[in-house]
Amino acid sequence: MTVPENLSRRAMLTKLGIFLNGIIAAILAIPVVGYLFSPVVRARKVGKDAWLLLGPVAQYPTGQTRFATFRNLDVQPWDGKTADSACWVRRIDTQTFQVFAINCAHLGCPVRWFPQSRLFMCPCHGGVYYEDGARASGPPERGLFEYPHKVEDGKLFIKSSALQTPGSPSALVKLSGKLPWA
């Protein structure tokens, strides 16, 4: 590479500075771009239509509510036991189930099932839910979140990626009957 004879020292240092700043900006942009595109990559990797096994239907007696666990779809090798999620499975009759998220609809504290009173209770702020997941009392404005589920070959499956949150549009429609921005 030949250097033009009329290139001053100041112009050469300016061009070198711009070149080095461009390299540093490119290096710093890599994690930012990765962060911005991570939801797209994660959604593709996780697979939104995956059904997770909760176990054989026989382990959930008719008329009872049982605690169940499943492995999250988006797992890292270092997650260990924290990659397991919990839910409550209520078997109404031979083929009818309800699968509830363990989290209270108020602030997400884990709810407990009390078979004597047939209620779900949240220890954090006193939220109470009936056995069908409907709100009974306390600060939650809605009932427990329910997982979509299906029974195939005597086994119970849930779609955990379809769990609604208080801010999701479909949960807001169920709360008020219309979208808040409509």
Protein backbone atom coordinates (compact mmCIF):
# COMPACT_ATOMS: atom_id res chain seq x y z
CA MET A 1 0.00 0.00 0.00
CA THR A 2 1.40 3.35 -0.97
CA VAL A 3 0.85 6.44 1.09
CA PRO A 4 0.05 9.61 -0.86
CA GLU A 5 2.80 12.18 -0.54
CA ASN A 6 0.44 15.01 0.34
CA LEU A 7 -1.04 13.08 3.37
CA SER A 8 -0.15 15.00 6.49
CA ARG A 9 0.55 13.41 9.83
CA ARG A 10 -2.69 14.86 11.22
CA ALA A 11 -4.80 13.41 8.36
CA MET A 12 -3.15 9.99 8.73
CA LEU A 13 -3.82 9.89 12.51
CA THR A 14 -7.42 11.01 11.93
CA LYS A 15 -8.01 8.19 9.43
CA LEU A 16 -6.32 5.68 11.78
CA GLY A 17 -8.52 6.90 14.67
CA ILE A 18 -11.69 6.57 12.57
CA PHE A 19 -10.64 3.06 11.50
CA LEU A 20 -9.93 1.93 15.10
CA ASN A 21 -13.18 3.49 16.36
CA GLY A 22 -15.06 1.59 13.63
CA ILE A 23 -13.52 -1.69 14.79
CA ILE A 24 -14.41 -0.96 18.43
CA ALA A 25 -17.98 0.02 17.47
CA ALA A 26 -18.37 -3.25 15.53
CA ILE A 27 -17.10 -5.27 18.51
CA LEU A 28 -19.49 -3.48 20.87
CA ALA A 29 -22.42 -3.92 18.45
CA ILE A 30 -22.17 -7.73 18.44
CA PRO A 31 -23.75 -8.27 21.91
CA VAL A 32 -26.36 -5.55 21.27
CA VAL A 33 -27.45 -7.20 18.03
CA GLY A 34 -27.44 -10.59 19.77
CA TYR A 35 -29.67 -9.21 22.51
CA LEU A 36 -32.10 -7.68 20.02
CA PHE A 37 -32.45 -10.88 17.97
CA SER A 38 -32.40 -13.36 20.89
CA PRO A 39 -36.23 -13.64 21.15
CA VAL A 40 -36.40 -14.70 17.50
CA VAL A 41 -33.63 -17.27 17.90
CA ARG A 42 -35.01 -18.55 21.22
CA ALA A 43 -38.56 -18.90 19.83
CA ARG A 44 -37.23 -20.91 16.91
CA LYS A 45 -35.04 -23.08 19.16
CA VAL A 46 -37.70 -23.74 21.81
CA GLY A 47 -40.53 -24.68 19.47
CA LYS A 48 -43.82 -23.04 20.39
CA ASP A 49 -45.96 -26.04 19.54
CA ALA A 50 -44.23 -28.55 21.81
CA TRP A 51 -46.41 -30.61 24.13
CA LEU A 52 -44.82 -31.61 27.45
CA LEU A 53 -45.64 -34.87 29.22
CA LEU A 54 -47.08 -34.62 32.73
CA GLY A 55 -47.41 -38.36 33.13
CA PRO A 56 -49.96 -41.12 32.79
CA VAL A 57 -53.59 -40.21 33.36
CA ALA A 58 -53.78 -42.94 36.03
CA GLN A 59 -51.58 -40.95 38.43
CA TYR A 60 -54.30 -38.28 38.70
CA PRO A 61 -57.33 -39.73 40.54
CA THR A 62 -60.80 -38.51 39.60
CA GLY A 63 -62.05 -35.71 41.84
CA GLN A 64 -58.60 -34.81 43.16
CA THR A 65 -56.05 -32.07 42.56
CA ARG A 66 -52.41 -33.13 42.39
CA PHE A 67 -49.07 -31.37 42.19
CA ALA A 68 -47.07 -32.08 39.01
CA THR A 69 -43.75 -30.95 37.55
CA PHE A 70 -42.41 -30.66 34.02
CA ARG A 71 -39.13 -29.62 32.42
CA ASN A 72 -39.05 -26.17 30.79
CA LEU A 73 -38.44 -26.05 27.06
CA ASP A 74 -35.86 -23.28 27.22
CA VAL A 75 -33.16 -24.96 29.33
CA GLN A 76 -29.48 -24.20 29.71
CA PRO A 77 -27.01 -26.84 30.92
CA TRP A 78 -26.38 -24.89 34.13
CA ASP A 79 -30.08 -24.54 35.05
CA GLY A 80 -30.17 -27.77 37.04
CA LYS A 81 -33.28 -28.23 39.18
CA THR A 82 -34.46 -24.67 38.47
CA ALA A 83 -35.41 -25.74 34.93
CA ASP A 84 -38.29 -27.74 36.41
CA SER A 85 -41.65 -25.98 36.61
CA ALA A 86 -44.67 -26.92 38.66
CA CYS A 87 -48.41 -26.96 38.08
CA TRP A 88 -51.61 -28.21 39.68
CA VAL A 89 -53.60 -30.90 37.85
CA ARG A 90 -57.30 -31.25 38.66
CA ARG A 91 -59.10 -34.28 37.30
CA ILE A 92 -62.80 -33.58 37.13
CA ASP A 93 -63.95 -36.87 35.57
CA THR A 94 -62.46 -39.67 33.47
CA GLN A 95 -61.45 -37.44 30.53
CA THR A 96 -61.82 -33.87 31.84
CA PHE A 97 -58.82 -32.10 33.35
CA GLN A 98 -57.78 -28.62 34.39
CA VAL A 99 -54.08 -27.77 34.61
CA PHE A 100 -53.27 -24.60 36.54
CA ALA A 101 -50.06 -22.62 36.71
CA ILE A 102 -48.68 -22.69 40.23
CA ASN A 103 -48.33 -18.89 40.27
CA CYS A 104 -50.86 -16.52 41.78
CA ALA A 105 -52.39 -14.15 39.23
CA HIS A 106 -51.63 -11.21 41.52
CA LEU A 107 -47.82 -11.12 41.85
CA GLY A 108 -46.77 -14.65 40.92
CA CYS A 109 -46.23 -16.22 44.35
CA PRO A 110 -46.70 -20.01 44.37
CA VAL A 111 -50.19 -21.07 45.45
CA ARG A 112 -50.87 -24.12 47.59
CA TRP A 113 -53.78 -26.54 47.33
CA PHE A 114 -55.68 -27.27 50.55
CA PRO A 115 -57.86 -30.37 49.99
CA GLN A 116 -59.75 -29.93 53.28
CA SER A 117 -61.19 -26.58 52.21
CA ARG A 118 -60.92 -27.33 48.48
CA LEU A 119 -59.18 -23.99 47.89
CA PHE A 120 -55.94 -22.72 46.41
CA MET A 121 -54.32 -20.15 48.69
CA CYS A 122 -51.50 -17.69 48.11
CA PRO A 123 -49.32 -17.06 51.17
CA CYS A 124 -47.99 -13.69 49.99
CA HIS A 125 -51.02 -11.41 49.91
CA GLY A 126 -53.96 -13.65 50.81
CA GLY A 127 -55.23 -14.52 47.35
CA VAL A 128 -57.76 -17.37 47.42
CA TYR A 129 -59.06 -19.41 44.48
CA TYR A 130 -61.81 -22.01 44.21
CA GLU A 131 -60.96 -25.52 43.05
CA ASP A 132 -61.90 -24.62 39.47
CA GLY A 133 -59.26 -21.84 39.52
CA ALA A 134 -61.76 -18.98 39.78
CA ARG A 135 -60.93 -16.08 42.09
CA ALA A 136 -62.54 -16.39 45.52
CA SER A 137 -61.07 -13.42 47.42
CA GLY A 138 -58.01 -11.27 47.94
CA PRO A 139 -56.10 -8.93 45.66
CA PRO A 140 -55.95 -11.01 42.45
CA GLU A 141 -58.29 -9.61 39.82
CA ARG A 142 -58.72 -12.91 37.98
CA GLY A 143 -58.52 -16.65 38.45
CA LEU A 144 -55.48 -18.90 38.08
CA PHE A 145 -53.85 -19.19 34.67
CA GLU A 146 -54.65 -22.46 32.90
CA TYR A 147 -52.38 -24.46 30.61
CA PRO A 148 -53.83 -25.88 27.38
CA HIS A 149 -53.76 -29.65 27.74
CA LYS A 150 -54.61 -32.84 25.91
CA VAL A 151 -54.85 -36.55 26.61
CA GLU A 152 -53.24 -38.98 24.17
CA ASP A 153 -52.68 -42.70 24.65
CA GLY A 154 -53.51 -42.49 28.35
CA LYS A 155 -50.99 -39.69 28.97
CA LEU A 156 -51.57 -36.07 29.94
CA PHE A 157 -49.71 -33.36 28.00
CA ILE A 158 -49.59 -29.58 28.42
CA LYS A 159 -48.43 -26.76 26.18
CA SER A 160 -46.40 -24.64 28.57
CA SER A 161 -45.40 -22.01 26.00
CA ALA A 162 -49.05 -20.99 25.69
CA LEU A 163 -49.35 -19.84 29.29
CA GLN A 164 -50.90 -16.39 29.48
CA THR A 165 -49.59 -13.66 31.72
CA PRO A 166 -51.48 -10.71 33.21
CA GLY A 167 -50.12 -8.42 30.47
CA SER A 168 -50.84 -10.63 27.46
CA PRO A 169 -53.68 -9.45 25.18
CA SER A 170 -55.67 -12.69 25.49
CA ALA A 171 -55.59 -12.46 29.31
CA LEU A 172 -56.77 -8.84 29.12
CA VAL A 173 -59.64 -9.85 26.86
CA LYS A 174 -60.71 -12.53 29.37
CA LEU A 175 -60.54 -9.96 32.18
CA SER A 176 -62.49 -7.13 30.61
CA GLY A 177 -64.11 -8.64 27.53
CA LYS A 178 -62.27 -6.22 25.25
CA LEU A 179 -58.76 -5.07 24.47
CA PRO A 180 -57.72 -2.03 26.53
CA TRP A 181 -56.47 -0.10 23.49
CA ALA A 182 -59.51 -0.87 21.31
